[in-house]
């Protein structure tokens, strides 16, 4: 019985350790723009990616009025058009 408790504690502690992962705000990424050339560094702006993802996840609240059937970003829905307009305006400003 004692061995079982120890095994459970080890498994739980290993699961808890995997939760605590630190993510940097910008992560350098090696990329090859065309074959045969040296790799170059690309900085990913994780905060920007988070903000875009957050805005796209709230489409159901932003695109629809009260009382409307909220379909999210389903094909052809009001939410899809809202998300498309958001992405177009975002990417033209970059």
PDB file of N, CA and C in Angstrom:
ATOM      1  N   UNK A   1       0.825  -1.190   0.000  1.00  0.00           N
ATOM      2  CA  UNK A   1       0.000   0.000   0.000  1.00  0.00           C
ATOM      3  C   UNK A   1       0.872   1.258   0.000  1.00  0.00           C
ATOM      4  N   UNK A   2       1.979   1.225   0.721  1.00  0.00           N
ATOM      5  CA  UNK A   2       2.888   2.376   0.775  1.00  0.00           C
ATOM      6  C   UNK A   2       3.508   2.656  -0.582  1.00  0.00           C
ATOM      7  N   UNK A   3       3.875   1.594  -1.326  1.00  0.00           N
ATOM      8  CA  UNK A   3       4.451   1.776  -2.653  1.00  0.00           C
ATOM      9  C   UNK A   3       3.456   2.463  -3.579  1.00  0.00           C
ATOM     10  N   UNK A   4       2.205   2.101  -3.456  1.00  0.00           N
ATOM     11  CA  UNK A   4       1.174   2.688  -4.303  1.00  0.00           C
ATOM     12  C   UNK A   4       1.042   4.187  -4.018  1.00  0.00           C
ATOM     13  N   UNK A   5       1.079   4.567  -2.743  1.00  0.00           N
ATOM     14  CA  UNK A   5       0.977   5.980  -2.382  1.00  0.00           C
ATOM     15  C   UNK A   5       2.166   6.764  -2.917  1.00  0.00           C
ATOM     16  N   UNK A   6       3.341   6.188  -2.850  1.00  0.00           N
ATOM     17  CA  UNK A   6       4.542   6.852  -3.350  1.00  0.00           C
ATOM     18  C   UNK A   6       4.449   7.017  -4.863  1.00  0.00           C
ATOM     19  N   UNK A   7       4.003   5.996  -5.553  1.00  0.00           N
ATOM     20  CA  UNK A   7       3.856   6.076  -7.006  1.00  0.00           C
ATOM     21  C   UNK A   7       2.843   7.154  -7.398  1.00  0.00           C
ATOM     22  N   UNK A   8       1.746   7.224  -6.670  1.00  0.00           N
ATOM     23  CA  UNK A   8       0.730   8.239  -6.946  1.00  0.00           C
ATOM     24  C   UNK A   8       1.307   9.630  -6.723  1.00  0.00           C
ATOM     25  N   UNK A   9       2.047   9.817  -5.652  1.00  0.00           N
ATOM     26  CA  UNK A   9       2.655  11.117  -5.373  1.00  0.00           C
ATOM     27  C   UNK A   9       3.673  11.502  -6.452  1.00  0.00           C
ATOM     28  N   UNK A  10       4.439  10.546  -6.918  1.00  0.00           N
ATOM     29  CA  UNK A  10       5.414  10.825  -7.977  1.00  0.00           C
ATOM     30  C   UNK A  10       4.699  11.222  -9.266  1.00  0.00           C
ATOM     31  N   UNK A  11       3.659  10.496  -9.620  1.00  0.00           N
ATOM     32  CA  UNK A  11       2.919  10.807 -10.845  1.00  0.00           C
ATOM     33  C   UNK A  11       2.261  12.182 -10.740  1.00  0.00           C
ATOM     34  N   UNK A  12       1.658  12.479  -9.607  1.00  0.00           N
ATOM     35  CA  UNK A  12       1.018  13.786  -9.424  1.00  0.00           C
ATOM     36  C   UNK A  12       2.038  14.904  -9.469  1.00  0.00           C
ATOM     37  N   UNK A  13       3.188  14.715  -8.836  1.00  0.00           N
ATOM     38  CA  UNK A  13       4.210  15.762  -8.854  1.00  0.00           C
ATOM     39  C   UNK A  13       4.760  15.975 -10.259  1.00  0.00           C
ATOM     40  N   UNK A  14       4.901  14.897 -11.039  1.00  0.00           N
ATOM     41  CA  UNK A  14       5.358  15.055 -12.422  1.00  0.00           C
ATOM     42  C   UNK A  14       4.327  15.795 -13.257  1.00  0.00           C
ATOM     43  N   UNK A  15       3.052  15.518 -13.031  1.00  0.00           N
ATOM     44  CA  UNK A  15       1.993  16.221 -13.765  1.00  0.00           C
ATOM     45  C   UNK A  15       1.978  17.703 -13.401  1.00  0.00           C
ATOM     46  N   UNK A  16       2.176  18.017 -12.138  1.00  0.00           N
ATOM     47  CA  UNK A  16       2.186  19.412 -11.718  1.00  0.00           C
ATOM     48  C   UNK A  16       3.388  20.169 -12.263  1.00  0.00           C
ATOM     49  N   UNK A  17       4.530  19.498 -12.397  1.00  0.00           N
ATOM     50  CA  UNK A  17       5.726  20.159 -12.919  1.00  0.00           C
ATOM     51  C   UNK A  17       5.564  20.534 -14.383  1.00  0.00           C
ATOM     52  N   UNK A  18       4.772  19.774 -15.133  1.00  0.00           N
ATOM     53  CA  UNK A  18       4.596  20.094 -16.545  1.00  0.00           C
ATOM     54  C   UNK A  18       3.700  21.309 -16.751  1.00  0.00           C
ATOM     55  N   UNK A  19       2.965  21.711 -15.733  1.00  0.00           N
ATOM     56  CA  UNK A  19       2.095  22.877 -15.839  1.00  0.00           C
ATOM     57  C   UNK A  19       2.912  24.163 -15.869  1.00  0.00           C
ATOM     58  N   UNK A  20       3.972  24.217 -15.111  1.00  0.00           N
ATOM     59  CA  UNK A  20       4.742  25.443 -14.934  1.00  0.00           C
ATOM     60  C   UNK A  20       5.781  25.584 -16.040  1.00  0.00           C
ATOM     61  N   UNK A  21       5.360  26.195 -17.132  1.00  0.00           N
ATOM     62  CA  UNK A  21       6.244  26.435 -18.263  1.00  0.00           C
ATOM     63  C   UNK A  21       6.215  27.926 -18.532  1.00  0.00           C
ATOM     64  N   UNK A  22       7.376  28.527 -18.660  1.00  0.00           N
ATOM     65  CA  UNK A  22       7.450  29.965 -18.918  1.00  0.00           C
ATOM     66  C   UNK A  22       7.609  30.202 -20.410  1.00  0.00           C
ATOM     67  N   UNK A  23       6.800  31.091 -20.955  1.00  0.00           N
ATOM     68  CA  UNK A  23       6.885  31.455 -22.357  1.00  0.00           C
ATOM     69  C   UNK A  23       7.431  32.864 -22.477  1.00  0.00           C
ATOM     70  N   UNK A  24       8.467  33.042 -23.279  1.00  0.00           N
ATOM     71  CA  UNK A  24       8.979  34.401 -23.485  1.00  0.00           C
ATOM     72  C   UNK A  24       8.017  35.197 -24.359  1.00  0.00           C
ATOM     73  N   UNK A  25       8.090  36.529 -24.259  1.00  0.00           N
ATOM     74  CA  UNK A  25       7.227  37.379 -25.068  1.00  0.00           C
ATOM     75  C   UNK A  25       7.592  37.262 -26.541  1.00  0.00           C
ATOM     76  N   UNK A  26       8.866  37.269 -26.869  1.00  0.00           N
ATOM     77  CA  UNK A  26       9.300  37.084 -28.248  1.00  0.00           C
ATOM     78  C   UNK A  26      10.210  35.863 -28.308  1.00  0.00           C
ATOM     79  N   UNK A  27       9.934  34.996 -29.232  1.00  0.00           N
ATOM     80  CA  UNK A  27      10.710  33.770 -29.359  1.00  0.00           C
ATOM     81  C   UNK A  27      11.412  33.770 -30.709  1.00  0.00           C
ATOM     82  N   UNK A  28      12.742  33.689 -30.717  1.00  0.00           N
ATOM     83  CA  UNK A  28      13.439  33.663 -32.012  1.00  0.00           C
ATOM     84  C   UNK A  28      13.189  32.345 -32.730  1.00  0.00           C
ATOM     85  N   UNK A  29      12.945  32.440 -34.020  1.00  0.00           N
ATOM     86  CA  UNK A  29      12.662  31.268 -34.836  1.00  0.00           C
ATOM     87  C   UNK A  29      13.621  31.276 -36.013  1.00  0.00           C
ATOM     88  N   UNK A  30      14.208  30.143 -36.306  1.00  0.00           N
ATOM     89  CA  UNK A  30      15.083  30.019 -37.468  1.00  0.00           C
ATOM     90  C   UNK A  30      14.236  29.668 -38.674  1.00  0.00           C
ATOM     91  N   UNK A  31      14.426  30.399 -39.761  1.00  0.00           N
ATOM     92  CA  UNK A  31      13.641  30.155 -40.969  1.00  0.00           C
ATOM     93  C   UNK A  31      14.548  30.197 -42.182  1.00  0.00           C
ATOM     94  N   UNK A  32      14.185  29.457 -43.188  1.00  0.00           N
ATOM     95  CA  UNK A  32      14.913  29.431 -44.438  1.00  0.00           C
ATOM     96  C   UNK A  32      14.011  30.024 -45.519  1.00  0.00           C
ATOM     97  N   UNK A  33      14.243  31.305 -45.893  1.00  0.00           N
ATOM     98  CA  UNK A  33      13.341  31.951 -46.841  1.00  0.00           C
ATOM     99  C   UNK A  33      13.326  31.294 -48.217  1.00  0.00           C
ATOM    100  N   UNK A  34      14.430  30.751 -48.646  1.00  0.00           N
ATOM    101  CA  UNK A  34      14.466  30.002 -49.894  1.00  0.00           C
ATOM    102  C   UNK A  34      15.512  28.910 -49.744  1.00  0.00           C
ATOM    103  N   UNK A  35      15.316  27.843 -50.440  1.00  0.00           N
ATOM    104  CA  UNK A  35      16.203  26.698 -50.253  1.00  0.00           C
ATOM    105  C   UNK A  35      17.637  27.029 -50.646  1.00  0.00           C
ATOM    106  N   UNK A  36      18.558  26.493 -49.886  1.00  0.00           N
ATOM    107  CA  UNK A  36      19.964  26.660 -50.195  1.00  0.00           C
ATOM    108  C   UNK A  36      20.633  27.842 -49.523  1.00  0.00           C
ATOM    109  N   UNK A  37      19.869  28.688 -48.829  1.00  0.00           N
ATOM    110  CA  UNK A  37      20.466  29.838 -48.157  1.00  0.00           C
ATOM    111  C   UNK A  37      20.583  29.579 -46.664  1.00  0.00           C
ATOM    112  N   UNK A  38      21.317  30.465 -46.015  1.00  0.00           N
ATOM    113  CA  UNK A  38      21.480  30.345 -44.564  1.00  0.00           C
ATOM    114  C   UNK A  38      20.166  30.658 -43.850  1.00  0.00           C
ATOM    115  N   UNK A  39      20.059  30.124 -42.644  1.00  0.00           N
ATOM    116  CA  UNK A  39      18.881  30.390 -41.828  1.00  0.00           C
ATOM    117  C   UNK A  39      18.947  31.804 -41.278  1.00  0.00           C
ATOM    118  N   UNK A  40      17.789  32.441 -41.157  1.00  0.00           N
ATOM    119  CA  UNK A  40      17.729  33.778 -40.575  1.00  0.00           C
ATOM    120  C   UNK A  40      16.828  33.730 -39.348  1.00  0.00           C
ATOM    121  N   UNK A  41      17.025  34.684 -38.440  1.00  0.00           N
ATOM    122  CA  UNK A  41      16.205  34.766 -37.236  1.00  0.00           C
ATOM    123  C   UNK A  41      14.930  35.547 -37.521  1.00  0.00           C
ATOM    124  N   UNK A  42      13.814  35.034 -37.036  1.00  0.00           N
ATOM    125  CA  UNK A  42      12.535  35.717 -37.116  1.00  0.00           C
ATOM    126  C   UNK A  42      11.987  35.796 -35.692  1.00  0.00           C
ATOM    127  N   UNK A  43      11.637  36.998 -35.255  1.00  0.00           N
ATOM    128  CA  UNK A  43      11.053  37.150 -33.920  1.00  0.00           C
ATOM    129  C   UNK A  43       9.545  37.043 -34.012  1.00  0.00           C
ATOM    130  N   UNK A  44       8.974  36.116 -33.245  1.00  0.00           N
ATOM    131  CA  UNK A  44       7.527  35.994 -33.169  1.00  0.00           C
ATOM    132  C   UNK A  44       7.040  36.877 -32.028  1.00  0.00           C
ATOM    133  N   UNK A  45       6.097  37.734 -32.319  1.00  0.00           N
ATOM    134  CA  UNK A  45       5.504  38.584 -31.291  1.00  0.00           C
ATOM    135  C   UNK A  45       4.335  37.821 -30.680  1.00  0.00           C
ATOM    136  N   UNK A  46       4.602  37.131 -29.579  1.00  0.00           N
ATOM    137  CA  UNK A  46       3.591  36.281 -28.972  1.00  0.00           C
ATOM    138  C   UNK A  46       2.426  37.083 -28.408  1.00  0.00           C
ATOM    139  N   UNK A  47       2.681  38.303 -27.972  1.00  0.00           N
ATOM    140  CA  UNK A  47       1.600  39.143 -27.461  1.00  0.00           C
ATOM    141  C   UNK A  47       0.641  39.520 -28.595  1.00  0.00           C
ATOM    142  N   UNK A  48       1.180  39.834 -29.771  1.00  0.00           N
ATOM    143  CA  UNK A  48       0.356  40.141 -30.937  1.00  0.00           C
ATOM    144  C   UNK A  48      -0.485  38.925 -31.327  1.00  0.00           C
ATOM    145  N   UNK A  49       0.132  37.746 -31.349  1.00  0.00           N
ATOM    146  CA  UNK A  49      -0.576  36.513 -31.690  1.00  0.00           C
ATOM    147  C   UNK A  49      -1.695  36.258 -30.679  1.00  0.00           C
ATOM    148  N   UNK A  50      -1.397  36.480 -29.409  1.00  0.00           N
ATOM    149  CA  UNK A  50      -2.406  36.299 -28.358  1.00  0.00           C
ATOM    150  C   UNK A  50      -3.576  37.263 -28.561  1.00  0.00           C
ATOM    151  N   UNK A  51      -3.270  38.534 -28.851  1.00  0.00           N
ATOM    152  CA  UNK A  51      -4.333  39.526 -29.031  1.00  0.00           C
ATOM    153  C   UNK A  51      -5.227  39.184 -30.216  1.00  0.00           C
ATOM    154  N   UNK A  52      -4.641  38.753 -31.323  1.00  0.00           N
ATOM    155  CA  UNK A  52      -5.438  38.374 -32.495  1.00  0.00           C
ATOM    156  C   UNK A  52      -6.309  37.174 -32.162  1.00  0.00           C
ATOM    157  N   UNK A  53      -5.742  36.178 -31.514  1.00  0.00           N
ATOM    158  CA  UNK A  53      -6.503  34.987 -31.137  1.00  0.00           C
ATOM    159  C   UNK A  53      -7.629  35.348 -30.174  1.00  0.00           C
ATOM    160  N   UNK A  54      -7.332  36.216 -29.232  1.00  0.00           N
ATOM    161  CA  UNK A  54      -8.348  36.653 -28.267  1.00  0.00           C
ATOM    162  C   UNK A  54      -9.492  37.381 -28.976  1.00  0.00           C
ATOM    163  N   UNK A  55      -9.158  38.268 -29.910  1.00  0.00           N
ATOM    164  CA  UNK A  55     -10.196  39.002 -30.643  1.00  0.00           C
ATOM    165  C   UNK A  55     -11.033  38.067 -31.511  1.00  0.00           C
ATOM    166  N   UNK A  56     -10.406  37.081 -32.123  1.00  0.00           N
ATOM    167  CA  UNK A  56     -11.161  36.127 -32.945  1.00  0.00           C
ATOM    168  C   UNK A  56     -12.033  35.211 -32.097  1.00  0.00           C
ATOM    169  N   UNK A  57     -11.625  34.977 -30.872  1.00  0.00           N
ATOM    170  CA  UNK A  57     -12.424  34.100 -30.017  1.00  0.00           C
ATOM    171  C   UNK A  57     -13.650  34.810 -29.446  1.00  0.00           C
ATOM    172  N   UNK A  58     -13.685  36.134 -29.518  1.00  0.00           N
ATOM    173  CA  UNK A  58     -14.841  36.870 -29.006  1.00  0.00           C
ATOM    174  C   UNK A  58     -15.770  37.334 -30.121  1.00  0.00           C
ATOM    175  N   UNK A  59     -15.630  36.768 -31.310  1.00  0.00           N
ATOM    176  CA  UNK A  59     -16.474  37.145 -32.452  1.00  0.00           C
ATOM    177  C   UNK A  59     -17.947  36.952 -32.120  1.00  0.00           C
ATOM    178  N   UNK A  60     -18.262  35.911 -31.400  1.00  0.00           N
ATOM    179  CA  UNK A  60     -19.666  35.622 -31.093  1.00  0.00           C
ATOM    180  C   UNK A  60     -20.298  36.744 -30.280  1.00  0.00           C
ATOM    181  N   UNK A  61     -19.501  37.478 -29.506  1.00  0.00           N
ATOM    182  CA  UNK A  61     -20.025  38.586 -28.711  1.00  0.00           C
ATOM    183  C   UNK A  61     -20.012  39.894 -29.493  1.00  0.00           C
ATOM    184  N   UNK A  62     -19.042  40.052 -30.414  1.00  0.00           N
ATOM    185  CA  UNK A  62     -18.870  41.317 -31.119  1.00  0.00           C
ATOM    186  C   UNK A  62     -19.716  41.423 -32.381  1.00  0.00           C
ATOM    187  N   UNK A  63     -19.967  40.328 -33.068  1.00  0.00           N
ATOM    188  CA  UNK A  63     -20.612  40.375 -34.375  1.00  0.00           C
ATOM    189  C   UNK A  63     -22.134  40.333 -34.296  1.00  0.00           C
ATOM    190  N   UNK A  64     -22.666  39.774 -33.242  1.00  0.00           N
ATOM    191  CA  UNK A  64     -24.103  39.547 -33.176  1.00  0.00           C
ATOM    192  C   UNK A  64     -24.761  40.497 -32.181  1.00  0.00           C
ATOM    193  N   UNK A  65     -25.987  40.902 -32.499  1.00  0.00           N
ATOM    194  CA  UNK A  65     -26.792  41.724 -31.598  1.00  0.00           C
ATOM    195  C   UNK A  65     -27.553  40.810 -30.650  1.00  0.00           C
ATOM    196  N   UNK A  66     -28.120  41.404 -29.607  1.00  0.00           N
ATOM    197  CA  UNK A  66     -28.932  40.619 -28.679  1.00  0.00           C
ATOM    198  C   UNK A  66     -30.151  40.054 -29.395  1.00  0.00           C
ATOM    199  N   UNK A  67     -30.462  38.817 -29.149  1.00  0.00           N
ATOM    200  CA  UNK A  67     -31.623  38.179 -29.743  1.00  0.00           C
ATOM    201  C   UNK A  67     -31.337  37.468 -31.050  1.00  0.00           C
ATOM    202  N   UNK A  68     -30.157  37.686 -31.641  1.00  0.00           N
ATOM    203  CA  UNK A  68     -29.806  37.001 -32.887  1.00  0.00           C
ATOM    204  C   UNK A  68     -29.274  35.605 -32.581  1.00  0.00           C
ATOM    205  N   UNK A  69     -29.417  34.711 -33.545  1.00  0.00           N
ATOM    206  CA  UNK A  69     -28.857  33.369 -33.423  1.00  0.00           C
ATOM    207  C   UNK A  69     -27.355  33.466 -33.623  1.00  0.00           C
ATOM    208  N   UNK A  70     -26.598  33.181 -32.593  1.00  0.00           N
ATOM    209  CA  UNK A  70     -25.138  33.319 -32.635  1.00  0.00           C
ATOM    210  C   UNK A  70     -24.520  32.031 -33.141  1.00  0.00           C
ATOM    211  N   UNK A  71     -23.949  32.079 -34.346  1.00  0.00           N
ATOM    212  CA  UNK A  71     -23.362  30.890 -34.962  1.00  0.00           C
ATOM    213  C   UNK A  71     -21.846  30.892 -34.889  1.00  0.00           C
ATOM    214  N   UNK A  72     -21.261  31.849 -34.231  1.00  0.00           N
ATOM    215  CA  UNK A  72     -19.802  31.904 -34.170  1.00  0.00           C
ATOM    216  C   UNK A  72     -19.218  32.303 -35.504  1.00  0.00           C
ATOM    217  N   UNK A  73     -18.171  31.562 -35.958  1.00  0.00           N
ATOM    218  CA  UNK A  73     -17.527  31.866 -37.236  1.00  0.00           C
ATOM    219  C   UNK A  73     -17.844  30.792 -38.281  1.00  0.00           C
ATOM    220  N   UNK A  74     -19.030  30.216 -38.217  1.00  0.00           N
ATOM    221  CA  UNK A  74     -19.428  29.185 -39.185  1.00  0.00           C
ATOM    222  C   UNK A  74     -19.452  29.767 -40.592  1.00  0.00           C
ATOM    223  N   UNK A  75     -19.299  28.912 -41.583  1.00  0.00           N
ATOM    224  CA  UNK A  75     -19.214  29.331 -42.982  1.00  0.00           C
ATOM    225  C   UNK A  75     -20.435  30.154 -43.387  1.00  0.00           C
ATOM    226  N   UNK A  76     -20.189  31.327 -43.929  1.00  0.00           N
ATOM    227  CA  UNK A  76     -21.253  32.185 -44.420  1.00  0.00           C
ATOM    228  C   UNK A  76     -22.006  32.950 -43.358  1.00  0.00           C
ATOM    229  N   UNK A  77     -21.613  32.819 -42.110  1.00  0.00           N
ATOM    230  CA  UNK A  77     -22.339  33.479 -41.035  1.00  0.00           C
ATOM    231  C   UNK A  77     -21.858  34.920 -40.869  1.00  0.00           C
ATOM    232  N   UNK A  78     -22.610  35.651 -40.073  1.00  0.00           N
ATOM    233  CA  UNK A  78     -22.251  37.032 -39.760  1.00  0.00           C
ATOM    234  C   UNK A  78     -20.898  37.083 -39.030  1.00  0.00           C
ATOM    235  N   UNK A  79     -20.651  36.096 -38.192  1.00  0.00           N
ATOM    236  CA  UNK A  79     -19.391  36.026 -37.458  1.00  0.00           C
ATOM    237  C   UNK A  79     -18.200  35.796 -38.372  1.00  0.00           C
ATOM    238  N   UNK A  80     -18.403  34.982 -39.419  1.00  0.00           N
ATOM    239  CA  UNK A  80     -17.312  34.750 -40.364  1.00  0.00           C
ATOM    240  C   UNK A  80     -16.960  36.034 -41.102  1.00  0.00           C
ATOM    241  N   UNK A  81     -17.964  36.768 -41.522  1.00  0.00           N
ATOM    242  CA  UNK A  81     -17.722  38.027 -42.226  1.00  0.00           C
ATOM    243  C   UNK A  81     -17.056  39.051 -41.310  1.00  0.00           C
ATOM    244  N   UNK A  82     -17.476  39.070 -40.055  1.00  0.00           N
ATOM    245  CA  UNK A  82     -16.857  39.961 -39.073  1.00  0.00           C
ATOM    246  C   UNK A  82     -15.382  39.606 -38.885  1.00  0.00           C
ATOM    247  N   UNK A  83     -15.082  38.313 -38.740  1.00  0.00           N
ATOM    248  CA  UNK A  83     -13.701  37.859 -38.567  1.00  0.00           C
ATOM    249  C   UNK A  83     -12.870  38.154 -39.806  1.00  0.00           C
ATOM    250  N   UNK A  84     -13.447  37.965 -40.992  1.00  0.00           N
ATOM    251  CA  UNK A  84     -12.722  38.246 -42.236  1.00  0.00           C
ATOM    252  C   UNK A  84     -12.395  39.727 -42.345  1.00  0.00           C
ATOM    253  N   UNK A  85     -13.352  40.585 -42.034  1.00  0.00           N
ATOM    254  CA  UNK A  85     -13.110  42.029 -42.076  1.00  0.00           C
ATOM    255  C   UNK A  85     -12.045  42.436 -41.059  1.00  0.00           C
ATOM    256  N   UNK A  86     -12.086  41.818 -39.880  1.00  0.00           N
ATOM    257  CA  UNK A  86     -11.084  42.106 -38.849  1.00  0.00           C
ATOM    258  C   UNK A  86      -9.687  41.723 -39.337  1.00  0.00           C
ATOM    259  N   UNK A  87      -9.564  40.539 -39.930  1.00  0.00           N
ATOM    260  CA  UNK A  87      -8.252  40.083 -40.412  1.00  0.00           C
ATOM    261  C   UNK A  87      -7.743  40.926 -41.570  1.00  0.00           C
ATOM    262  N   UNK A  88      -8.644  41.318 -42.473  1.00  0.00           N
ATOM    263  CA  UNK A  88      -8.228  42.165 -43.602  1.00  0.00           C
ATOM    264  C   UNK A  88      -7.700  43.508 -43.092  1.00  0.00           C
ATOM    265  N   UNK A  89      -8.422  44.120 -42.172  1.00  0.00           N
ATOM    266  CA  UNK A  89      -7.969  45.411 -41.651  1.00  0.00           C
ATOM    267  C   UNK A  89      -6.682  45.265 -40.847  1.00  0.00           C
ATOM    268  N   UNK A  90      -6.556  44.171 -40.138  1.00  0.00           N
ATOM    269  CA  UNK A  90      -5.336  43.939 -39.355  1.00  0.00           C
ATOM    270  C   UNK A  90      -4.129  43.736 -40.251  1.00  0.00           C
ATOM    271  N   UNK A  91      -4.283  42.930 -41.281  1.00  0.00           N
ATOM    272  CA  UNK A  91      -3.146  42.593 -42.133  1.00  0.00           C
ATOM    273  C   UNK A  91      -2.781  43.730 -43.101  1.00  0.00           C
ATOM    274  N   UNK A  92      -3.727  44.585 -43.448  1.00  0.00           N
ATOM    275  CA  UNK A  92      -3.371  45.725 -44.302  1.00  0.00           C
ATOM    276  C   UNK A  92      -2.621  46.799 -43.514  1.00  0.00           C
ATOM    277  N   UNK A  93      -2.769  46.793 -42.197  1.00  0.00           N
ATOM    278  CA  UNK A  93      -2.066  47.769 -41.356  1.00  0.00           C
ATOM    279  C   UNK A  93      -0.668  47.341 -40.976  1.00  0.00           C
ATOM    280  N   UNK A  94      -0.295  46.117 -41.299  1.00  0.00           N
ATOM    281  CA  UNK A  94       1.044  45.623 -40.915  1.00  0.00           C
ATOM    282  C   UNK A  94       2.071  46.159 -41.891  1.00  0.00           C
TER     283      UNK A  94
END
